[in-house]
C-alpha atoms as a PDB file:
ATOM      1  CA  MET A   1     -79.594  83.021  18.277  1.00  0.00           C
ATOM      2  CA  SER A   2     -79.005  79.277  18.412  1.00  0.00           C
ATOM      3  CA  THR A   3     -76.717  77.543  20.885  1.00  0.00           C
ATOM      4  CA  ILE A   4     -74.256  76.641  18.156  1.00  0.00           C
ATOM      5  CA  GLU A   5     -73.951  80.276  17.045  1.00  0.00           C
ATOM      6  CA  LYS A   6     -73.411  81.387  20.634  1.00  0.00           C
ATOM      7  CA  GLN A   7     -70.622  78.831  21.070  1.00  0.00           C
ATOM      8  CA  LEU A   8     -69.065  79.945  17.795  1.00  0.00           C
ATOM      9  CA  LEU A   9     -69.049  83.587  18.844  1.00  0.00           C
ATOM     10  CA  ALA A  10     -67.750  82.695  22.288  1.00  0.00           C
ATOM     11  CA  SER A  11     -64.838  80.660  20.914  1.00  0.00           C
ATOM     12  CA  PRO A  12     -61.400  82.267  21.394  1.00  0.00           C
ATOM     13  CA  ARG A  13     -59.986  84.255  18.499  1.00  0.00           C
ATOM     14  CA  ASN A  14     -56.622  82.838  17.472  1.00  0.00           C
ATOM     15  CA  ARG A  15     -56.143  84.967  14.359  1.00  0.00           C
ATOM     16  CA  SER A  16     -52.913  86.499  15.664  1.00  0.00           C
ATOM     17  CA  TYR A  17     -51.539  83.044  16.487  1.00  0.00           C
ATOM     18  CA  VAL A  18     -52.295  81.788  12.967  1.00  0.00           C
ATOM     19  CA  LEU A  19     -50.703  84.890  11.427  1.00  0.00           C
ATOM     20  CA  ILE A  20     -47.529  84.499  13.499  1.00  0.00           C
ATOM     21  CA  VAL A  21     -47.181  80.807  12.641  1.00  0.00           C
ATOM     22  CA  THR A  22     -47.818  81.523   8.953  1.00  0.00           C
ATOM     23  CA  ALA A  23     -45.205  84.295   8.953  1.00  0.00           C
ATOM     24  CA  ILE A  24     -42.627  82.003  10.592  1.00  0.00           C
ATOM     25  CA  VAL A  25     -43.298  79.223   8.076  1.00  0.00           C
ATOM     26  CA  LEU A  26     -43.001  81.649   5.162  1.00  0.00           C
ATOM     27  CA  LEU A  27     -39.734  83.056   6.502  1.00  0.00           C
ATOM     28  CA  LEU A  28     -38.307  79.562   6.911  1.00  0.00           C
ATOM     29  CA  PHE A  29     -39.440  78.673   3.395  1.00  0.00           C
ATOM     30  CA  LEU A  30     -37.834  81.780   1.891  1.00  0.00           C
ATOM     31  CA  TRP A  31     -34.652  81.170   3.869  1.00  0.00           C
ATOM     32  CA  SER A  32     -34.547  77.576   2.589  1.00  0.00           C
ATOM     33  CA  LEU A  33     -34.847  78.823  -0.991  1.00  0.00           C
ATOM     34  CA  SER A  34     -31.494  80.565  -0.565  1.00  0.00           C
ATOM     35  CA  VAL A  35     -29.701  77.214  -1.024  1.00  0.00           C
ATOM     36  CA  VAL A  36     -31.609  76.390  -4.224  1.00  0.00           C
ATOM     37  CA  SER A  37     -29.486  77.073  -7.268  1.00  0.00           C
ATOM     38  CA  PHE A  38     -30.085  76.167 -10.908  1.00  0.00           C
ATOM     39  CA  LYS A  39     -26.774  77.490 -12.215  1.00  0.00           C
ATOM     40  CA  ASP A  40     -25.322  73.960 -12.523  1.00  0.00           C
ATOM     41  CA  VAL A  41     -28.357  72.664 -14.452  1.00  0.00           C
ATOM     42  CA  ASN A  42     -26.840  73.006 -17.912  1.00  0.00           C
ATOM     43  CA  GLN A  43     -27.266  71.247 -21.219  1.00  0.00           C
ATOM     44  CA  SER A  44     -25.118  68.274 -20.177  1.00  0.00           C
ATOM     45  CA  GLY A  45     -27.210  67.730 -17.035  1.00  0.00           C
ATOM     46  CA  LEU A  46     -30.418  67.677 -19.052  1.00  0.00           C
ATOM     47  CA  LYS A  47     -28.743  65.276 -21.495  1.00  0.00           C
ATOM     48  CA  ILE A  48     -27.861  62.899 -18.658  1.00  0.00           C
ATOM     49  CA  ALA A  49     -31.448  62.984 -17.413  1.00  0.00           C
ATOM     50  CA  GLN A  50     -32.626  62.168 -20.933  1.00  0.00           C
ATOM     51  CA  ASN A  51     -30.136  59.283 -21.148  1.00  0.00           C
ATOM     52  CA  ILE A  52     -31.409  57.839 -17.856  1.00  0.00           C
ATOM     53  CA  MET A  53     -34.991  57.930 -19.144  1.00  0.00           C
ATOM     54  CA  ASN A  54     -33.880  56.296 -22.404  1.00  0.00           C
ATOM     55  CA  GLY A  55     -32.112  53.617 -20.372  1.00  0.00           C
ATOM     56  CA  ILE A  56     -35.313  52.893 -18.450  1.00  0.00           C
ATOM     57  CA  ILE A  57     -37.305  52.696 -21.685  1.00  0.00           C
ATOM     58  CA  HIS A  58     -34.653  50.523 -23.368  1.00  0.00           C
ATOM     59  CA  PRO A  59     -33.074  48.471 -20.545  1.00  0.00           C
ATOM     60  CA  ASP A  60     -30.383  45.832 -20.873  1.00  0.00           C
ATOM     61  CA  LEU A  61     -32.662  42.777 -20.975  1.00  0.00           C
ATOM     62  CA  ASP A  62     -29.784  40.309 -20.621  1.00  0.00           C
ATOM     63  CA  LEU A  63     -28.720  41.949 -17.347  1.00  0.00           C
ATOM     64  CA  LEU A  64     -32.339  42.185 -16.212  1.00  0.00           C
ATOM     65  CA  LEU A  65     -33.438  38.607 -16.934  1.00  0.00           C
ATOM     66  CA  ASN A  66     -30.445  36.300 -16.467  1.00  0.00           C
ATOM     67  CA  VAL A  67     -29.485  34.684 -13.146  1.00  0.00           C
ATOM     68  CA  SER A  68     -25.716  35.226 -12.943  1.00  0.00           C
ATOM     69  CA  LYS A  69     -23.976  36.914 -10.003  1.00  0.00           C
ATOM     70  CA  GLN A  70     -23.833  40.147 -11.976  1.00  0.00           C
ATOM     71  CA  SER A  71     -27.534  40.122 -12.867  1.00  0.00           C
ATOM     72  CA  VAL A  72     -30.201  42.425 -11.498  1.00  0.00           C
ATOM     73  CA  LEU A  73     -32.056  39.483  -9.931  1.00  0.00           C
ATOM     74  CA  TYR A  74     -29.019  38.378  -7.923  1.00  0.00           C
ATOM     75  CA  LEU A  75     -28.275  41.922  -6.752  1.00  0.00           C
ATOM     76  CA  LEU A  76     -31.896  42.442  -5.708  1.00  0.00           C
ATOM     77  CA  VAL A  77     -31.933  39.182  -3.743  1.00  0.00           C
ATOM     78  CA  GLN A  78     -28.715  40.261  -2.013  1.00  0.00           C
ATOM     79  CA  THR A  79     -30.209  43.660  -1.197  1.00  0.00           C
ATOM     80  CA  LEU A  80     -33.375  41.986   0.108  1.00  0.00           C
ATOM     81  CA  ALA A  81     -31.297  39.636   2.272  1.00  0.00           C
ATOM     82  CA  ILE A  82     -29.310  42.540   3.737  1.00  0.00           C
ATOM     83  CA  ALA A  83     -32.487  44.453   4.574  1.00  0.00           C
ATOM     84  CA  PHE A  84     -34.259  41.408   6.040  1.00  0.00           C
ATOM     85  CA  LEU A  85     -31.387  40.138   8.194  1.00  0.00           C
ATOM     86  CA  GLY A  86     -30.523  43.660   9.329  1.00  0.00           C
ATOM     87  CA  THR A  87     -34.146  44.257  10.320  1.00  0.00           C
ATOM     88  CA  VAL A  88     -34.268  40.999  12.300  1.00  0.00           C
ATOM     89  CA  VAL A  89     -31.038  41.862  14.133  1.00  0.00           C
ATOM     90  CA  GLY A  90     -32.265  45.393  14.851  1.00  0.00           C
ATOM     91  CA  ALA A  91     -35.682  44.180  16.039  1.00  0.00           C
ATOM     92  CA  ILE A  92     -34.178  41.650  18.454  1.00  0.00           C
ATOM     93  CA  LEU A  93     -31.708  44.148  19.915  1.00  0.00           C
ATOM     94  CA  SER A  94     -34.384  46.846  20.159  1.00  0.00           C
ATOM     95  CA  VAL A  95     -36.557  44.881  22.601  1.00  0.00           C
ATOM     96  CA  PRO A  96     -34.232  45.124  25.646  1.00  0.00           C
ATOM     97  CA  PHE A  97     -33.418  48.751  24.793  1.00  0.00           C
ATOM     98  CA  ALA A  98     -37.132  49.527  24.638  1.00  0.00           C
ATOM     99  CA  PHE A  99     -37.841  48.031  28.064  1.00  0.00           C
ATOM    100  CA  LEU A 100     -34.843  49.870  29.529  1.00  0.00           C
ATOM    101  CA  ALA A 101     -36.136  53.139  28.049  1.00  0.00           C
ATOM    102  CA  ALA A 102     -39.745  52.705  29.226  1.00  0.00           C
ATOM    103  CA  SER A 103     -40.339  54.971  32.210  1.00  0.00           C
ATOM    104  CA  ASN A 104     -43.156  52.771  33.516  1.00  0.00           C
ATOM    105  CA  ILE A 105     -40.860  49.729  33.701  1.00  0.00           C
ATOM    106  CA  VAL A 106     -37.478  50.968  34.971  1.00  0.00           C
ATOM    107  CA  PRO A 107     -36.355  53.878  37.201  1.00  0.00           C
ATOM    108  CA  LYS A 108     -36.255  57.340  35.631  1.00  0.00           C
ATOM    109  CA  PRO A 109     -32.419  57.673  35.489  1.00  0.00           C
ATOM    110  CA  VAL A 110     -32.080  54.358  33.628  1.00  0.00           C
ATOM    111  CA  SER A 111     -34.855  55.355  31.243  1.00  0.00           C
ATOM    112  CA  TRP A 112     -33.284  58.761  30.611  1.00  0.00           C
ATOM    113  CA  LEU A 113     -29.806  57.336  29.899  1.00  0.00           C
ATOM    114  CA  THR A 114     -31.191  54.689  27.545  1.00  0.00           C
ATOM    115  CA  ARG A 115     -33.232  57.288  25.660  1.00  0.00           C
ATOM    116  CA  LEU A 116     -30.113  59.460  25.335  1.00  0.00           C
ATOM    117  CA  LEU A 117     -28.213  56.505  23.861  1.00  0.00           C
ATOM    118  CA  LEU A 118     -31.021  55.850  21.372  1.00  0.00           C
ATOM    119  CA  ILE A 119     -31.015  59.517  20.319  1.00  0.00           C
ATOM    120  CA  VAL A 120     -27.271  59.275  19.632  1.00  0.00           C
ATOM    121  CA  ILE A 121     -27.815  56.133  17.550  1.00  0.00           C
ATOM    122  CA  ARG A 122     -30.546  57.836  15.503  1.00  0.00           C
ATOM    123  CA  THR A 123     -28.462  60.965  14.961  1.00  0.00           C
ATOM    124  CA  ILE A 124     -25.666  59.314  12.932  1.00  0.00           C
ATOM    125  CA  PRO A 125     -26.585  58.726   9.245  1.00  0.00           C
ATOM    126  CA  ALA A 126     -26.604  55.213   7.803  1.00  0.00           C
ATOM    127  CA  LEU A 127     -23.821  55.984   5.318  1.00  0.00           C
ATOM    128  CA  VAL A 128     -21.512  56.965   8.182  1.00  0.00           C
ATOM    129  CA  TYR A 129     -22.254  53.667   9.936  1.00  0.00           C
ATOM    130  CA  GLY A 130     -21.606  51.899   6.647  1.00  0.00           C
ATOM    131  CA  LEU A 131     -18.170  53.478   6.267  1.00  0.00           C
ATOM    132  CA  MET A 132     -17.350  52.583   9.873  1.00  0.00           C
ATOM    133  CA  PHE A 133     -18.369  48.928   9.525  1.00  0.00           C
ATOM    134  CA  ILE A 134     -16.522  48.573   6.224  1.00  0.00           C
ATOM    135  CA  ARG A 135     -13.350  49.464   8.136  1.00  0.00           C
ATOM    136  CA  VAL A 136     -14.185  46.815  10.724  1.00  0.00           C
ATOM    137  CA  SER A 137     -15.479  43.893   8.657  1.00  0.00           C
ATOM    138  CA  GLY A 138     -14.341  44.843   5.156  1.00  0.00           C
ATOM    139  CA  PRO A 139     -16.553  45.735   2.182  1.00  0.00           C
ATOM    140  CA  GLY A 140     -19.432  43.419   1.422  1.00  0.00           C
ATOM    141  CA  PRO A 141     -22.951  42.430   2.471  1.00  0.00           C
ATOM    142  CA  PHE A 142     -21.980  41.740   6.102  1.00  0.00           C
ATOM    143  CA  ALA A 143     -21.122  45.409   6.612  1.00  0.00           C
ATOM    144  CA  GLY A 144     -24.519  46.253   5.157  1.00  0.00           C
ATOM    145  CA  VAL A 145     -26.287  43.902   7.594  1.00  0.00           C
ATOM    146  CA  LEU A 146     -24.487  45.470  10.564  1.00  0.00           C
ATOM    147  CA  THR A 147     -25.329  48.964   9.347  1.00  0.00           C
ATOM    148  CA  VAL A 148     -29.016  48.225   8.749  1.00  0.00           C
ATOM    149  CA  GLY A 149     -29.262  46.468  12.112  1.00  0.00           C
ATOM    150  CA  LEU A 150     -27.737  49.355  14.035  1.00  0.00           C
ATOM    151  CA  THR A 151     -29.724  52.072  12.286  1.00  0.00           C
ATOM    152  CA  SER A 152     -32.924  50.088  12.891  1.00  0.00           C
ATOM    153  CA  ILE A 153     -32.369  50.062  16.656  1.00  0.00           C
ATOM    154  CA  GLY A 154     -32.911  53.799  17.033  1.00  0.00           C
ATOM    155  CA  MET A 155     -36.308  53.938  15.353  1.00  0.00           C
ATOM    156  CA  LEU A 156     -37.635  50.545  16.465  1.00  0.00           C
ATOM    157  CA  SER A 157     -36.716  51.121  20.108  1.00  0.00           C
ATOM    158  CA  LYS A 158     -38.461  54.497  20.127  1.00  0.00           C
ATOM    159  CA  LEU A 159     -41.692  53.056  18.714  1.00  0.00           C
ATOM    160  CA  TYR A 160     -41.471  49.991  20.949  1.00  0.00           C
ATOM    161  CA  VAL A 161     -41.175  52.295  23.969  1.00  0.00           C
ATOM    162  CA  ASP A 162     -44.362  54.110  22.974  1.00  0.00           C
ATOM    163  CA  ALA A 163     -46.185  50.779  22.853  1.00  0.00           C
ATOM    164  CA  ILE A 164     -44.780  49.613  26.199  1.00  0.00           C
ATOM    165  CA  GLU A 165     -45.743  52.845  27.946  1.00  0.00           C
ATOM    166  CA  GLU A 166     -49.321  52.436  26.710  1.00  0.00           C
ATOM    167  CA  LEU A 167     -49.702  48.954  28.224  1.00  0.00           C
ATOM    168  CA  ASP A 168     -52.983  48.221  29.975  1.00  0.00           C
ATOM    169  CA  THR A 169     -51.687  47.682  33.521  1.00  0.00           C
ATOM    170  CA  LYS A 170     -55.116  46.607  34.756  1.00  0.00           C
ATOM    171  CA  VAL A 171     -54.564  43.246  33.090  1.00  0.00           C
ATOM    172  CA  LEU A 172     -51.312  42.760  35.003  1.00  0.00           C
ATOM    173  CA  GLU A 173     -52.974  43.780  38.265  1.00  0.00           C
ATOM    174  CA  SER A 174     -55.716  41.240  37.677  1.00  0.00           C
ATOM    175  CA  MET A 175     -53.178  38.518  36.949  1.00  0.00           C
ATOM    176  CA  THR A 176     -51.255  39.418  40.110  1.00  0.00           C
ATOM    177  CA  SER A 177     -54.435  39.149  42.170  1.00  0.00           C
ATOM    178  CA  ILE A 178     -55.024  35.568  41.024  1.00  0.00           C
ATOM    179  CA  GLY A 179     -51.436  34.553  41.795  1.00  0.00           C
ATOM    180  CA  CYS A 180     -49.812  34.490  38.348  1.00  0.00           C
ATOM    181  CA  THR A 181     -46.034  34.235  38.206  1.00  0.00           C
ATOM    182  CA  THR A 182     -43.842  36.846  36.519  1.00  0.00           C
ATOM    183  CA  PHE A 183     -43.352  34.584  33.502  1.00  0.00           C
ATOM    184  CA  GLU A 184     -47.112  34.061  33.170  1.00  0.00           C
ATOM    185  CA  LYS A 185     -47.722  37.802  33.372  1.00  0.00           C
ATOM    186  CA  ILE A 186     -45.154  38.403  30.625  1.00  0.00           C
ATOM    187  CA  ARG A 187     -46.399  35.518  28.482  1.00  0.00           C
ATOM    188  CA  PHE A 188     -50.150  36.100  28.772  1.00  0.00           C
ATOM    189  CA  GLY A 189     -50.405  39.741  29.877  1.00  0.00           C
ATOM    190  CA  ILE A 190     -47.638  41.692  28.123  1.00  0.00           C
ATOM    191  CA  VAL A 191     -46.723  39.739  24.988  1.00  0.00           C
ATOM    192  CA  PRO A 192     -50.278  39.599  23.527  1.00  0.00           C
ATOM    193  CA  GLN A 193     -50.599  43.378  23.915  1.00  0.00           C
ATOM    194  CA  LEU A 194     -47.259  44.144  22.299  1.00  0.00           C
ATOM    195  CA  MET A 195     -46.794  41.455  19.660  1.00  0.00           C
ATOM    196  CA  SER A 196     -49.027  42.897  16.930  1.00  0.00           C
ATOM    197  CA  ILE A 197     -47.662  46.431  17.434  1.00  0.00           C
ATOM    198  CA  PHE A 198     -44.055  45.227  17.461  1.00  0.00           C
ATOM    199  CA  MET A 199     -44.602  43.181  14.294  1.00  0.00           C
ATOM    200  CA  SER A 200     -46.317  46.068  12.508  1.00  0.00           C
ATOM    201  CA  VAL A 201     -43.508  48.481  13.379  1.00  0.00           C
ATOM    202  CA  THR A 202     -40.851  45.940  12.368  1.00  0.00           C
ATOM    203  CA  ILE A 203     -42.464  45.365   8.972  1.00  0.00           C
ATOM    204  CA  TYR A 204     -42.626  49.118   8.417  1.00  0.00           C
ATOM    205  CA  ARG A 205     -38.932  49.385   9.280  1.00  0.00           C
ATOM    206  CA  PHE A 206     -38.109  46.543   6.874  1.00  0.00           C
ATOM    207  CA  ASP A 207     -39.820  48.547   4.135  1.00  0.00           C
ATOM    208  CA  MET A 208     -37.537  51.490   4.949  1.00  0.00           C
ATOM    209  CA  ASN A 209     -34.454  49.265   5.204  1.00  0.00           C
ATOM    210  CA  MET A 210     -34.932  48.085   1.619  1.00  0.00           C
ATOM    211  CA  ARG A 211     -34.229  51.624   0.468  1.00  0.00           C
ATOM    212  CA  GLU A 212     -31.323  52.045   2.867  1.00  0.00           C
ATOM    213  CA  ALA A 213     -29.784  48.724   1.793  1.00  0.00           C
ATOM    214  CA  SER A 214     -29.847  49.837  -1.841  1.00  0.00           C
ATOM    215  CA  ILE A 215     -28.079  53.092  -0.933  1.00  0.00           C
ATOM    216  CA  LEU A 216     -25.442  51.399   1.232  1.00  0.00           C
ATOM    217  CA  GLY A 217     -23.972  49.759  -1.834  1.00  0.00           C
ATOM    218  CA  LEU A 218     -22.635  53.194  -2.789  1.00  0.00           C
ATOM    219  CA  VAL A 219     -20.040  52.887   0.000  1.00  0.00           C
ATOM    220  CA  GLY A 220     -19.291  49.214  -0.670  1.00  0.00           C
ATOM    221  CA  ALA A 221     -21.664  47.623   1.852  1.00  0.00           C
ATOM    222  CA  GLY A 222     -23.180  45.181  -0.646  1.00  0.00           C
ATOM    223  CA  GLY A 223     -26.419  45.285  -2.570  1.00  0.00           C
ATOM    224  CA  ILE A 224     -27.453  46.983  -5.777  1.00  0.00           C
ATOM    225  CA  GLY A 225     -26.089  50.455  -5.012  1.00  0.00           C
ATOM    226  CA  ALA A 226     -22.484  49.889  -6.110  1.00  0.00           C
ATOM    227  CA  PRO A 227     -23.311  48.424  -9.567  1.00  0.00           C
ATOM    228  CA  LEU A 228     -25.775  51.266 -10.070  1.00  0.00           C
ATOM    229  CA  ILE A 229     -23.228  54.007  -9.391  1.00  0.00           C
ATOM    230  CA  PHE A 230     -20.567  52.179 -11.469  1.00  0.00           C
ATOM    231  CA  ALA A 231     -22.983  51.938 -14.401  1.00  0.00           C
ATOM    232  CA  MET A 232     -23.788  55.648 -14.122  1.00  0.00           C
ATOM    233  CA  ASN A 233     -20.113  56.615 -13.934  1.00  0.00           C
ATOM    234  CA  GLY A 234     -19.445  54.446 -16.991  1.00  0.00           C
ATOM    235  CA  TYR A 235     -22.375  56.025 -18.899  1.00  0.00           C
ATOM    236  CA  LYS A 236     -23.947  52.582 -19.352  1.00  0.00           C
ATOM    237  CA  TRP A 237     -27.486  53.885 -19.383  1.00  0.00           C
ATOM    238  CA  ASN A 238     -29.099  50.621 -20.478  1.00  0.00           C
ATOM    239  CA  GLN A 239     -27.660  48.925 -17.398  1.00  0.00           C
ATOM    240  CA  VAL A 240     -28.780  51.849 -15.240  1.00  0.00           C
ATOM    241  CA  GLY A 241     -32.288  51.407 -16.598  1.00  0.00           C
ATOM    242  CA  SER A 242     -32.279  47.678 -15.830  1.00  0.00           C
ATOM    243  CA  LEU A 243     -31.095  48.219 -12.271  1.00  0.00           C
ATOM    244  CA  LEU A 244     -33.643  50.973 -11.617  1.00  0.00           C
ATOM    245  CA  ILE A 245     -36.522  48.926 -13.058  1.00  0.00           C
ATOM    246  CA  GLY A 246     -35.633  45.932 -10.898  1.00  0.00           C
ATOM    247  CA  LEU A 247     -35.298  48.074  -7.786  1.00  0.00           C
ATOM    248  CA  VAL A 248     -38.582  49.906  -8.333  1.00  0.00           C
ATOM    249  CA  VAL A 249     -40.509  46.668  -9.003  1.00  0.00           C
ATOM    250  CA  LEU A 250     -39.075  44.980  -5.900  1.00  0.00           C
ATOM    251  CA  ILE A 251     -39.855  47.945  -3.625  1.00  0.00           C
ATOM    252  CA  LEU A 252     -43.406  48.182  -5.001  1.00  0.00           C
ATOM    253  CA  ILE A 253     -44.017  44.478  -4.345  1.00  0.00           C
ATOM    254  CA  ILE A 254     -42.655  44.744  -0.799  1.00  0.00           C
ATOM    255  CA  GLU A 255     -44.719  47.883  -0.220  1.00  0.00           C
ATOM    256  CA  LEU A 256     -47.946  46.137  -1.236  1.00  0.00           C
ATOM    257  CA  ILE A 257     -47.256  43.010   0.811  1.00  0.00           C
ATOM    258  CA  SER A 258     -46.090  44.897   3.906  1.00  0.00           C
ATOM    259  CA  ASN A 259     -49.119  47.219   3.829  1.00  0.00           C
ATOM    260  CA  LYS A 260     -51.502  44.253   3.746  1.00  0.00           C
ATOM    261  CA  ILE A 261     -49.709  42.467   6.580  1.00  0.00           C
ATOM    262  CA  ARG A 262     -49.546  45.607   8.722  1.00  0.00           C
ATOM    263  CA  ALA A 263     -53.253  46.314   8.141  1.00  0.00           C
ATOM    264  CA  LYS A 264     -54.154  42.803   9.313  1.00  0.00           C
ATOM    265  CA  LEU A 265     -51.920  43.101  12.380  1.00  0.00           C
ATOM    266  CA  ILE A 266     -53.362  46.478  13.369  1.00  0.00           C
ATOM    267  CA  LYS A 267     -56.937  45.272  12.921  1.00  0.00           C
ATOM    268  CA  GLY A 268     -56.176  42.132  14.936  1.00  0.00           C
END
């Protein structure tokens, strides 16, 4: 009997563990199916779905191609601006939160409290933040920027913390031994290690914020969401098709560009 066969036979049997996990997953799946109901999927619902597809095939070209303030191009640029500015605000504010939450930088109680605050921020949905900020600043793109910025803090800070806690401290120890100042250690020891990771995470979050910014328009926080829901409520399927085509094309372009940039940052 070969060594490999002996190791295979000597390996622990985890058949019972796999069976238990499989049974739990199946039970959860069956329990989740209890909320699935097709009773409201009637002829009118199928007709609406058909109308949406017809609208995408035959879009309103005037709405899609002109450059007025009601056009798809203008609404997409506004949505892009909301997502970009919100991501920048969230990324800047996430940096101090991340350092305060890193257990290798600050005392444990400070790290624990900051992490608890970040969990609370991540728990509240973006639409709830949008409704709150609309009450504060009024409906419009500014409320969307505030919402995107705040929702970005929770995720960005968490990923920034992971990067900070994986810092190579040997570099800092070496810089301390040769008499580097605190600023020099931050500038030449910490920033080069974190910059590419921070940028990659921020670009990924911007990609997500494009989708969130389009949804926030549903509650009046600017962007393409409000015209889309108004067109659907008014049964203007050609306009719905134009808005959906523009949104899909923009998100695909951003997805391709962001993936290339992130790949270059990760590979150095």
